Amino acid sequence: MRIGTGFIAAILLGAFWGAVWMVVIGLIYTLFAGEPSAPQVWVAALAGAIGAAIYILSPVKTRDRPKARGTRLQAVIVIAIFAVLMLVTFGEPFGLSLLYTTLYQLVALVAFIAALCWSIVAALHDQPAGNIGRYHLEVVFLRFMKGLGLTLFTIVVALPFYVMVMTSFKSQQSLVSNPLDLSIDLSQGLSGLFSSYIELFTTYHFGTFLMNSAIVSVATVVITLVFAVPGAYAVARLRFPGQNFLSRSILLIYMVPAIVLVIPLYSAFSQIGLRNSLFGLMIVYPATTIPVALYMLQGYFRGLPSELEEAGLMDGLKRPGVIMKITLPLALPALASVALYVFMIAWNEFLFAFMFLDDINMFTLSRGVVSLNSSEVPRQHLMAGAVIATVPVLVVFLWFERFLVAGLTAGSVKG
């Protein structure tokens, strides 16, 4: 038996992952099933420790040992079977017993076993069991910390969204009877699950709010790009007096707090009749987004190969033609990221919309969601409104992601 530092490190790592995954799966089980769970952390840690020991002691098929018995793939199966026996026999996690199980309990057990096996394999797949040096110890430690950090980050990010979505599917009666029950009641049917969303669009004018936010956000993106693209190109490529000062002072207006601007703008817009209109927001929003768009685009334009633009000028293109036919196609990733950033600012902006809009038919989505925050509106309606405000941004981000990761300038300069 090859016992050394690597063997001890594997046991500790398996114990840590067993405890971590038992706590995580127990939390998820409680949220989904709506039942309290008392997972046996010590049993899970013991199962993880022994499972990691089985895995690290299993020989690996190599060129020198092509017929090695008990490969690590087989060890994973042994770990899974052993963990099931340990947990069911001694731990009874999530209230699981040999006589009675529910679908949620079985899913929780399978999820725990899969997570434990995957963690052990990911951390120890290339580590020896004998005495190891500092490098291998650091690799195992960093892999554990990376996995733990990703797990905690995912929980912190996903848990509020899960609570928001599940609450939006609840009825008023179920929320009053058990506010902590976040499971899905499929017995009420689709009409019951989505009753809050249906009422938002039929009673609370959320269709109008969505349309207003879409109009304002898209208009803000278009106006911002129309002014930011030539401005950023001029700062990045052209030479003129005060260029350096302009380049460094672009973000000064963005650093002015919005609360300082809202009172004078409110007074001015009230006098000229723009206070209770979407057109007023289309003026204010670009004024706050153009500086940051200029700052982002000028840095990207400076990184583009100037030889391509010079070649276009030598071929007879004017400066506008160079921008339209050469610079902008190469700058699509930057334009996509700027457009996404500006869209998110306009979509989520609340202060100016709250101060300028009084007519419910002019409310944007953020203003409309706040109007639901009253004692007369059920909480599930407020959560449903928050989901409606969040999903479009997620869809837009996923659609723009292909542009954000594209390397359109690769190979554009030859020789």
Protein backbone atom coordinates (compact mmCIF):
# COMPACT_ATOMS: atom_id res chain seq x y z
CA MET A 1 0.00 0.00 0.00
CA ARG A 2 1.43 3.35 -1.02
CA ILE A 3 0.84 5.53 2.01
CA GLY A 4 2.35 9.00 2.09
CA THR A 5 1.61 12.69 1.97
CA GLY A 6 -0.58 12.27 -1.11
CA PHE A 7 -2.70 9.65 0.64
CA ILE A 8 -3.31 11.92 3.64
CA ALA A 9 -4.08 14.90 1.39
CA ALA A 10 -6.60 12.81 -0.55
CA ILE A 11 -8.37 11.73 2.66
CA LEU A 12 -8.62 15.32 3.91
CA LEU A 13 -9.86 16.58 0.55
CA GLY A 14 -12.48 13.83 0.31
CA ALA A 15 -13.69 14.59 3.83
CA PHE A 16 -13.97 18.30 3.07
CA TRP A 17 -15.89 17.70 -0.16
CA GLY A 18 -18.20 15.21 1.52
CA ALA A 19 -19.11 17.75 4.21
CA VAL A 20 -19.43 20.62 1.73
CA TRP A 21 -21.68 18.75 -0.68
CA MET A 22 -23.86 17.38 2.11
CA VAL A 23 -24.52 20.92 3.35
CA VAL A 24 -25.11 22.27 -0.17
CA ILE A 25 -27.40 19.44 -1.29
CA GLY A 26 -29.23 19.63 2.04
CA LEU A 27 -29.91 23.33 1.48
CA ILE A 28 -31.11 22.69 -2.06
CA TYR A 29 -33.29 19.81 -0.88
CA THR A 30 -34.93 22.00 1.75
CA LEU A 31 -35.69 24.70 -0.82
CA PHE A 32 -37.07 22.34 -3.45
CA ALA A 33 -38.95 19.89 -1.24
CA GLY A 34 -40.18 22.40 1.31
CA GLU A 35 -39.22 19.98 4.06
CA PRO A 36 -36.58 20.52 6.76
CA SER A 37 -33.53 18.28 6.39
CA ALA A 38 -30.96 17.20 8.94
CA PRO A 39 -28.09 15.86 6.84
CA GLN A 40 -25.43 13.91 8.72
CA VAL A 41 -22.32 15.89 7.86
CA TRP A 42 -19.94 13.60 9.72
CA VAL A 43 -21.18 10.57 7.79
CA ALA A 44 -20.78 12.43 4.51
CA ALA A 45 -17.26 13.50 5.50
CA LEU A 46 -16.38 9.91 6.39
CA ALA A 47 -17.79 8.63 3.10
CA GLY A 48 -15.82 11.26 1.20
CA ALA A 49 -12.59 10.46 3.04
CA ILE A 50 -12.82 6.71 2.46
CA GLY A 51 -13.93 7.27 -1.14
CA ALA A 52 -10.93 9.48 -1.85
CA ALA A 53 -8.65 6.88 -0.27
CA ILE A 54 -10.12 4.19 -2.55
CA TYR A 55 -9.62 6.42 -5.56
CA ILE A 56 -6.06 7.51 -4.82
CA LEU A 57 -4.92 3.93 -4.15
CA SER A 58 -6.35 2.61 -7.41
CA PRO A 59 -3.69 1.98 -10.09
CA VAL A 60 -3.85 3.97 -13.28
CA LYS A 61 -3.62 2.44 -16.75
CA THR A 62 -0.44 3.68 -18.41
CA ARG A 63 1.76 2.59 -21.28
CA ASP A 64 3.91 0.69 -18.84
CA ARG A 65 0.92 -0.93 -17.13
CA PRO A 66 -1.77 -1.40 -19.81
CA LYS A 67 -3.44 -4.27 -17.94
CA ALA A 68 -3.59 -2.70 -14.50
CA ARG A 69 -6.44 -4.02 -12.39
CA GLY A 70 -8.84 -1.84 -10.47
CA THR A 71 -8.52 1.29 -12.61
CA ARG A 72 -9.70 4.63 -11.28
CA LEU A 73 -12.83 4.47 -13.41
CA GLN A 74 -13.83 1.37 -11.53
CA ALA A 75 -12.87 3.12 -8.31
CA VAL A 76 -15.46 5.82 -8.98
CA ILE A 77 -18.15 3.14 -9.15
CA VAL A 78 -16.89 1.66 -5.88
CA ILE A 79 -16.97 5.12 -4.27
CA ALA A 80 -20.57 5.68 -5.37
CA ILE A 81 -21.74 2.30 -4.06
CA PHE A 82 -19.86 2.76 -0.79
CA ALA A 83 -21.23 6.27 -0.26
CA VAL A 84 -24.79 5.07 -0.83
CA LEU A 85 -24.36 2.27 1.71
CA MET A 86 -22.77 4.59 4.25
CA LEU A 87 -25.40 7.31 3.95
CA VAL A 88 -28.45 5.08 3.79
CA THR A 89 -27.29 2.73 6.56
CA PHE A 90 -25.80 5.19 9.06
CA GLY A 91 -26.72 8.72 8.07
CA GLU A 92 -30.26 8.75 6.73
CA PRO A 93 -29.59 12.06 4.94
CA PHE A 94 -32.56 14.26 4.12
CA GLY A 95 -34.77 11.85 6.12
CA LEU A 96 -33.94 9.01 3.73
CA SER A 97 -34.57 5.48 4.95
CA LEU A 98 -34.69 2.03 3.42
CA LEU A 99 -38.44 1.78 4.00
CA TYR A 100 -39.67 5.11 2.64
CA THR A 101 -38.28 7.46 0.05
CA THR A 102 -39.64 10.31 -2.01
CA LEU A 103 -38.58 11.51 -5.41
CA TYR A 104 -36.88 14.57 -3.90
CA GLN A 105 -34.92 12.39 -1.48
CA LEU A 106 -33.71 10.07 -4.21
CA VAL A 107 -32.71 12.99 -6.40
CA ALA A 108 -30.86 14.59 -3.48
CA LEU A 109 -28.96 11.36 -2.78
CA VAL A 110 -28.01 10.90 -6.44
CA ALA A 111 -26.92 14.54 -6.68
CA PHE A 112 -24.72 14.16 -3.61
CA ILE A 113 -23.05 10.99 -4.92
CA ALA A 114 -22.46 12.53 -8.35
CA ALA A 115 -21.05 15.75 -6.88
CA LEU A 116 -18.77 13.85 -4.48
CA CYS A 117 -17.39 11.55 -7.19
CA TRP A 118 -16.88 14.42 -9.63
CA SER A 119 -15.04 16.49 -7.01
CA ILE A 120 -12.70 13.65 -6.08
CA VAL A 121 -11.91 12.87 -9.71
CA ALA A 122 -11.38 16.53 -10.64
CA ALA A 123 -8.98 17.12 -7.75
CA LEU A 124 -7.04 13.84 -7.68
CA HIS A 125 -7.10 12.49 -11.25
CA ASP A 126 -3.34 13.11 -11.78
CA GLN A 127 -2.07 12.97 -8.20
CA PRO A 128 0.05 10.11 -6.79
CA ALA A 129 -0.65 8.35 -3.51
CA GLY A 130 2.91 8.19 -2.24
CA ASN A 131 5.07 10.94 -0.84
CA ILE A 132 4.51 14.11 -2.85
CA GLY A 133 6.21 17.45 -2.87
CA ARG A 134 5.03 20.95 -2.24
CA TYR A 135 3.89 21.44 -5.85
CA HIS A 136 1.36 18.58 -5.75
CA LEU A 137 0.05 19.71 -2.37
CA GLU A 138 -0.47 23.22 -3.72
CA VAL A 139 -2.26 21.83 -6.79
CA VAL A 140 -4.68 19.83 -4.63
CA PHE A 141 -5.25 22.79 -2.30
CA LEU A 142 -5.85 25.26 -5.12
CA ARG A 143 -8.26 22.91 -6.85
CA PHE A 144 -10.24 22.55 -3.64
CA MET A 145 -10.32 26.30 -3.04
CA LYS A 146 -11.32 26.97 -6.65
CA GLY A 147 -14.16 24.46 -6.49
CA LEU A 148 -15.31 25.73 -3.10
CA GLY A 149 -15.22 29.33 -4.30
CA LEU A 150 -17.23 28.51 -7.44
CA THR A 151 -19.76 26.57 -5.36
CA LEU A 152 -20.26 29.40 -2.87
CA PHE A 153 -20.40 32.01 -5.63
CA THR A 154 -23.02 29.99 -7.50
CA ILE A 155 -25.14 29.65 -4.38
CA VAL A 156 -24.92 33.37 -3.60
CA VAL A 157 -25.90 34.28 -7.16
CA ALA A 158 -28.52 31.61 -7.81
CA LEU A 159 -30.29 31.51 -4.44
CA PRO A 160 -31.93 34.99 -4.61
CA PHE A 161 -33.05 34.34 -8.18
CA TYR A 162 -34.47 30.95 -7.20
CA VAL A 163 -36.38 32.47 -4.27
CA MET A 164 -37.70 35.18 -6.56
CA VAL A 165 -38.91 32.72 -9.21
CA MET A 166 -40.43 30.24 -6.77
CA THR A 167 -42.24 32.97 -4.85
CA SER A 168 -43.75 34.25 -8.10
CA PHE A 169 -45.31 30.80 -8.64
CA LYS A 170 -46.99 30.75 -5.23
CA SER A 171 -50.56 31.56 -4.35
CA GLN A 172 -51.49 33.98 -1.62
CA GLN A 173 -52.81 31.16 0.54
CA SER A 174 -49.61 29.08 0.35
CA LEU A 175 -47.44 32.10 1.11
CA VAL A 176 -49.47 32.96 4.19
CA SER A 177 -49.58 29.37 5.46
CA ASN A 178 -45.85 28.66 4.97
CA PRO A 179 -43.67 31.55 3.73
CA LEU A 180 -40.51 29.39 3.83
CA ASP A 181 -41.91 26.69 1.55
CA LEU A 182 -40.33 27.34 -1.86
CA SER A 183 -41.29 24.09 -3.54
CA ILE A 184 -43.41 23.93 -6.70
CA ASP A 185 -47.00 22.79 -6.36
CA LEU A 186 -47.77 21.20 -9.74
CA SER A 187 -51.30 20.28 -8.69
CA GLN A 188 -52.54 23.80 -9.39
CA GLY A 189 -51.76 23.48 -13.12
CA LEU A 190 -50.11 25.95 -15.48
CA SER A 191 -52.81 28.56 -15.02
CA GLY A 192 -52.28 28.46 -11.27
CA LEU A 193 -48.49 28.57 -11.51
CA PHE A 194 -48.48 31.56 -13.83
CA SER A 195 -51.48 33.34 -12.32
CA SER A 196 -49.28 36.17 -10.98
CA TYR A 197 -47.78 36.78 -14.43
CA ILE A 198 -51.21 36.71 -16.07
CA GLU A 199 -52.55 39.27 -13.60
CA LEU A 200 -49.54 41.53 -14.12
CA PHE A 201 -50.29 41.83 -17.82
CA THR A 202 -54.07 41.97 -17.51
CA THR A 203 -54.44 44.17 -14.42
CA TYR A 204 -51.17 46.01 -13.76
CA HIS A 205 -50.24 47.22 -17.31
CA PHE A 206 -46.96 45.31 -17.46
CA GLY A 207 -47.22 44.98 -21.23
CA THR A 208 -47.09 48.77 -21.44
CA PHE A 209 -44.15 48.90 -19.03
CA LEU A 210 -42.21 46.39 -21.13
CA MET A 211 -42.86 48.29 -24.32
CA ASN A 212 -41.83 51.62 -22.78
CA SER A 213 -38.60 50.17 -21.38
CA ALA A 214 -37.79 48.51 -24.70
CA ILE A 215 -38.33 51.75 -26.61
CA VAL A 216 -36.27 53.84 -24.23
CA SER A 217 -33.44 51.29 -23.94
CA VAL A 218 -33.10 50.66 -27.67
CA ALA A 219 -33.27 54.38 -28.43
CA THR A 220 -30.60 55.04 -25.80
CA VAL A 221 -28.30 52.43 -27.37
CA VAL A 222 -28.76 53.86 -30.86
CA ILE A 223 -28.26 57.50 -29.82
CA THR A 224 -25.25 56.59 -27.69
CA LEU A 225 -23.51 54.69 -30.48
CA VAL A 226 -24.29 57.38 -33.07
CA PHE A 227 -22.46 59.98 -30.99
CA ALA A 228 -19.87 57.76 -29.27
CA VAL A 229 -18.43 56.02 -32.34
CA PRO A 230 -17.25 59.13 -34.23
CA GLY A 231 -16.20 60.81 -30.98
CA ALA A 232 -14.13 57.85 -29.82
CA TYR A 233 -12.60 57.44 -33.27
CA ALA A 234 -11.60 61.11 -33.37
CA VAL A 235 -9.97 60.90 -29.94
CA ALA A 236 -8.18 57.67 -30.80
CA ARG A 237 -6.99 58.37 -34.35
CA LEU A 238 -7.03 62.09 -35.19
CA ARG A 239 -4.59 64.71 -33.96
CA PHE A 240 -5.99 68.06 -32.77
CA PRO A 241 -5.33 70.60 -29.98
CA GLY A 242 -6.58 69.42 -26.59
CA GLN A 243 -6.76 65.76 -27.62
CA ASN A 244 -5.04 64.47 -24.50
CA PHE A 245 -7.15 66.65 -22.21
CA LEU A 246 -10.36 65.49 -23.91
CA SER A 247 -9.28 61.86 -23.69
CA ARG A 248 -8.60 62.12 -19.96
CA SER A 249 -11.67 64.18 -19.06
CA ILE A 250 -14.29 62.08 -20.83
CA LEU A 251 -15.40 60.34 -17.66
CA LEU A 252 -15.68 63.51 -15.56
CA ILE A 253 -19.37 63.96 -16.35
CA TYR A 254 -19.98 60.29 -15.54
CA MET A 255 -18.55 60.85 -12.06
CA VAL A 256 -21.15 63.51 -11.22
CA PRO A 257 -23.81 61.87 -8.97
CA ALA A 258 -27.18 61.51 -10.64
CA ILE A 259 -28.94 62.89 -7.59
CA VAL A 260 -27.14 66.23 -8.20
CA LEU A 261 -28.52 66.42 -11.75
CA VAL A 262 -32.05 65.21 -11.16
CA ILE A 263 -33.40 68.36 -9.42
CA PRO A 264 -32.33 70.94 -12.05
CA LEU A 265 -33.34 68.57 -14.84
CA TYR A 266 -36.72 68.07 -13.18
CA SER A 267 -37.25 71.82 -13.05
CA ALA A 268 -36.12 72.40 -16.64
CA PHE A 269 -38.11 69.49 -18.09
CA SER A 270 -41.25 70.61 -16.23
CA GLN A 271 -41.02 74.04 -17.82
CA ILE A 272 -40.55 72.80 -21.38
CA GLY A 273 -43.09 69.96 -21.13
CA LEU A 274 -40.71 66.98 -21.23
CA ARG A 275 -41.08 65.78 -17.67
CA ASN A 276 -43.80 63.18 -18.16
CA SER A 277 -42.67 61.73 -21.50
CA LEU A 278 -40.39 58.98 -22.80
CA PHE A 279 -38.66 61.51 -25.03
CA GLY A 280 -37.29 63.23 -21.94
CA LEU A 281 -35.70 59.97 -20.79
CA MET A 282 -34.23 59.51 -24.27
CA ILE A 283 -32.41 62.81 -23.75
CA VAL A 284 -31.22 62.17 -20.19
CA TYR A 285 -30.06 58.57 -20.57
CA PRO A 286 -27.67 59.13 -23.51
CA ALA A 287 -26.19 62.12 -21.69
CA THR A 288 -25.08 59.74 -18.93
CA THR A 289 -24.03 56.82 -21.15
CA ILE A 290 -22.15 58.59 -23.95
CA PRO A 291 -19.10 59.43 -21.76
CA VAL A 292 -18.54 55.84 -20.66
CA ALA A 293 -19.16 54.60 -24.22
CA LEU A 294 -16.55 57.06 -25.50
CA TYR A 295 -14.07 55.86 -22.91
CA MET A 296 -14.63 52.18 -23.76
CA LEU A 297 -14.53 52.61 -27.53
CA GLN A 298 -11.48 54.85 -27.72
CA GLY A 299 -9.36 52.23 -25.99
CA TYR A 300 -10.52 49.57 -28.43
CA PHE A 301 -9.97 51.80 -31.49
CA ARG A 302 -6.41 52.47 -30.37
CA GLY A 303 -5.78 48.73 -30.30
CA LEU A 304 -6.90 48.16 -33.89
CA PRO A 305 -4.16 47.92 -36.56
CA SER A 306 -3.71 51.37 -38.06
CA GLU A 307 -2.18 49.77 -41.18
CA LEU A 308 -5.62 48.61 -42.29
CA GLU A 309 -7.04 52.13 -42.19
CA GLU A 310 -3.99 53.55 -43.95
CA ALA A 311 -4.40 50.94 -46.69
CA GLY A 312 -8.03 51.97 -47.08
CA LEU A 313 -7.06 55.64 -47.41
CA MET A 314 -4.45 54.73 -50.04
CA ASP A 315 -7.11 52.80 -51.99
CA GLY A 316 -9.22 55.93 -52.27
CA LEU A 317 -11.58 55.67 -49.30
CA LYS A 318 -12.48 58.80 -47.39
CA ARG A 319 -12.38 58.87 -43.61
CA PRO A 320 -16.12 58.05 -43.23
CA GLY A 321 -15.68 55.13 -45.62
CA VAL A 322 -12.73 53.84 -43.61
CA ILE A 323 -14.83 53.97 -40.44
CA MET A 324 -17.83 52.26 -41.98
CA LYS A 325 -16.04 49.58 -44.05
CA ILE A 326 -12.94 48.82 -41.99
CA THR A 327 -13.06 50.09 -38.42
CA LEU A 328 -16.63 49.24 -37.45
CA PRO A 329 -16.56 45.63 -38.77
CA LEU A 330 -13.37 45.04 -36.79
CA ALA A 331 -14.85 46.71 -33.71
CA LEU A 332 -18.00 44.57 -33.53
CA PRO A 333 -16.99 42.97 -30.20
CA ALA A 334 -16.46 46.41 -28.67
CA LEU A 335 -19.71 47.75 -30.13
CA ALA A 336 -21.57 44.71 -28.78
CA SER A 337 -20.15 45.11 -25.28
CA VAL A 338 -20.87 48.85 -25.24
CA ALA A 339 -24.39 48.31 -26.57
CA LEU A 340 -25.04 45.65 -23.93
CA TYR A 341 -23.69 47.87 -21.15
CA VAL A 342 -25.74 50.88 -22.27
CA PHE A 343 -28.85 48.74 -22.67
CA MET A 344 -28.51 47.42 -19.11
CA ILE A 345 -28.07 50.96 -17.74
CA ALA A 346 -31.17 52.21 -19.54
CA TRP A 347 -33.22 49.10 -18.72
CA ASN A 348 -32.45 49.18 -14.99
CA GLU A 349 -32.38 52.97 -14.44
CA PHE A 350 -34.81 54.04 -11.76
CA LEU A 351 -34.02 57.49 -10.33
CA PHE A 352 -34.82 59.62 -13.41
CA ALA A 353 -37.81 57.44 -14.29
CA PHE A 354 -39.18 57.80 -10.76
CA MET A 355 -38.76 61.58 -10.74
CA PHE A 356 -39.92 62.34 -14.29
CA LEU A 357 -42.82 59.90 -14.84
CA ASP A 358 -46.21 60.25 -13.17
CA ASP A 359 -48.53 58.85 -15.84
CA ILE A 360 -48.85 55.07 -15.44
CA ASN A 361 -49.01 54.70 -19.21
CA MET A 362 -45.49 56.16 -19.40
CA PHE A 363 -43.93 54.01 -16.68
CA THR A 364 -40.82 52.06 -17.54
CA LEU A 365 -40.35 48.58 -16.13
CA SER A 366 -38.24 49.63 -13.14
CA ARG A 367 -40.78 52.33 -12.28
CA GLY A 368 -43.62 49.86 -12.71
CA VAL A 369 -42.06 47.25 -10.43
CA VAL A 370 -41.71 49.82 -7.64
CA SER A 371 -45.38 50.70 -8.03
CA LEU A 372 -46.19 47.11 -7.01
CA ASN A 373 -44.37 47.49 -3.69
CA SER A 374 -47.41 48.30 -1.59
CA SER A 375 -49.61 46.55 0.94
CA GLU A 376 -52.40 46.24 -1.65
CA VAL A 377 -50.35 44.13 -4.07
CA PRO A 378 -49.51 40.51 -3.13
CA ARG A 379 -45.83 39.71 -2.72
CA GLN A 380 -45.90 37.06 -5.45
CA HIS A 381 -46.90 39.76 -7.94
CA LEU A 382 -43.90 41.84 -6.94
CA MET A 383 -41.59 38.84 -7.43
CA ALA A 384 -43.18 38.08 -10.79
CA GLY A 385 -42.52 41.66 -11.85
CA ALA A 386 -38.89 41.31 -10.79
CA VAL A 387 -38.58 38.14 -12.88
CA ILE A 388 -40.05 39.92 -15.90
CA ALA A 389 -37.56 42.75 -15.45
CA THR A 390 -34.61 40.33 -15.18
CA VAL A 391 -35.25 37.80 -17.95
CA PRO A 392 -34.95 40.21 -20.95
CA VAL A 393 -31.49 41.32 -19.79
CA LEU A 394 -30.38 37.69 -19.52
CA VAL A 395 -31.69 36.93 -23.02
CA VAL A 396 -29.95 39.97 -24.51
CA PHE A 397 -26.70 39.07 -22.77
CA LEU A 398 -26.79 35.48 -24.04
CA TRP A 399 -27.51 36.69 -27.56
CA PHE A 400 -24.63 39.22 -27.47
CA GLU A 401 -22.18 36.74 -25.95
CA ARG A 402 -21.13 35.38 -29.34
CA PHE A 403 -19.98 38.86 -30.33
CA LEU A 404 -18.19 39.49 -27.06
CA VAL A 405 -15.92 36.45 -27.45
CA ALA A 406 -15.27 36.76 -31.18
CA GLY A 407 -11.74 37.63 -32.21
CA LEU A 408 -12.54 39.39 -35.44
CA THR A 409 -9.10 40.99 -35.80
CA ALA A 410 -7.20 37.70 -35.76
CA GLY A 411 -5.22 37.33 -38.95
CA SER A 412 -6.34 40.66 -40.41
CA VAL A 413 -2.76 41.89 -40.89
CA LYS A 414 -0.48 39.73 -43.02
CA GLY A 415 3.19 39.84 -43.81
